[in-house]
Protein backbone atom coordinates (compact mmCIF):
# COMPACT_ATOMS: atom_id res chain seq x y z
CA MET A 1 0.00 0.00 0.00
CA LYS A 2 1.16 3.50 -0.78
CA THR A 3 1.57 5.96 2.05
CA LYS A 4 0.06 9.43 1.86
CA ILE A 5 0.99 12.63 3.62
CA PHE A 6 -1.54 14.18 5.99
CA ARG A 7 -1.73 17.47 7.86
CA ILE A 8 -3.52 17.10 11.19
CA GLN A 9 -4.89 20.03 13.16
CA GLY A 10 -6.46 19.98 16.57
CA LYS A 11 -6.18 20.89 20.23
CA PHE A 12 -5.09 19.14 23.39
CA LEU A 13 -5.69 19.92 27.03
CA MET A 14 -2.49 20.84 28.84
CA GLY A 15 -3.19 21.85 32.42
CA ASN A 16 -6.23 24.09 32.32
CA SER A 17 -5.86 25.41 28.77
CA LEU A 18 -6.36 24.06 25.26
CA LYS A 19 -3.21 24.16 23.14
CA PRO A 20 -3.51 24.06 19.34
CA PHE A 21 -1.31 21.74 17.28
CA THR A 22 -0.53 21.08 13.64
CA LYS A 23 1.39 17.95 12.61
CA GLU A 24 2.37 16.43 9.30
CA LEU A 25 2.69 12.66 9.16
CA LYS A 26 2.88 9.84 6.65
CA ALA A 27 0.33 7.05 6.84
CA ILE A 28 -1.86 4.76 4.75
CA ASN A 29 -5.21 6.15 5.92
CA GLU A 30 -6.90 8.48 8.42
CA GLU A 31 -7.41 5.76 11.04
CA GLU A 32 -3.66 5.14 11.14
CA ILE A 33 -3.09 8.90 11.47
CA LYS A 34 -5.42 9.13 14.47
CA GLU A 35 -3.63 6.26 16.18
CA LYS A 36 -0.23 7.87 15.56
CA ILE A 37 -1.39 11.21 17.00
CA TYR A 38 -2.86 9.59 20.13
CA SER A 39 0.29 7.48 20.63
CA GLU A 40 2.69 10.38 20.12
CA PHE A 41 0.90 12.79 22.47
CA GLY A 42 0.44 10.04 25.03
CA SER A 43 4.10 9.08 25.06
CA LYS A 44 5.66 12.56 24.81
CA HIS A 45 3.23 14.60 26.90
CA HIS A 46 1.44 11.91 28.98
CA ILE A 47 -1.94 13.09 27.67
CA LYS A 48 -4.90 10.72 27.61
CA ARG A 49 -6.77 10.20 24.34
CA ASN A 50 -9.92 11.89 25.63
CA LYS A 51 -7.90 15.12 26.17
CA ILE A 52 -6.94 15.30 22.47
CA LYS A 53 -9.36 16.73 19.93
CA ILE A 54 -8.49 16.16 16.28
CA GLU A 55 -10.35 18.82 14.32
CA GLU A 56 -9.14 18.29 10.77
CA ILE A 57 -7.18 15.70 8.80
CA THR A 58 -6.23 16.78 5.28
CA GLU A 59 -4.28 14.85 2.68
CA ILE A 60 -1.59 17.12 1.23
CA SER A 61 0.74 16.91 -1.75
CA GLN A 62 4.51 16.67 -1.49
CA ASP A 63 4.77 20.32 -2.54
CA GLU A 64 2.67 21.46 0.44
CA VAL A 65 4.84 19.73 3.08
CA GLN A 66 6.45 22.13 5.57
CA ASP A 67 7.87 19.68 8.13
CA PRO A 68 11.62 19.20 7.40
CA ILE A 69 11.60 15.59 8.62
CA ILE A 70 8.74 14.62 6.30
CA LYS A 71 10.45 16.50 3.42
CA ALA A 72 13.59 14.46 4.01
CA LEU A 73 11.61 11.21 4.06
CA ILE A 74 9.83 11.88 0.77
CA SER A 75 12.95 13.09 -1.05
CA GLU A 76 14.71 9.71 -0.56
């Protein structure tokens, strides 16, 4: 299966305030993206899944990528 590049936007609860986030990740589909977001925020910030609100998942082209790590992965 071919991986696609997605831009994910949402908010997570950190303390008493909602913090916005935007991430770019590679995955096969949106379900895999959701799982990656929940896993990453859980492991790095110790945030439970119910404290993360994914608002938008958009498939983007290689030209739209801004994340330098993703750019390096797709240029290989």
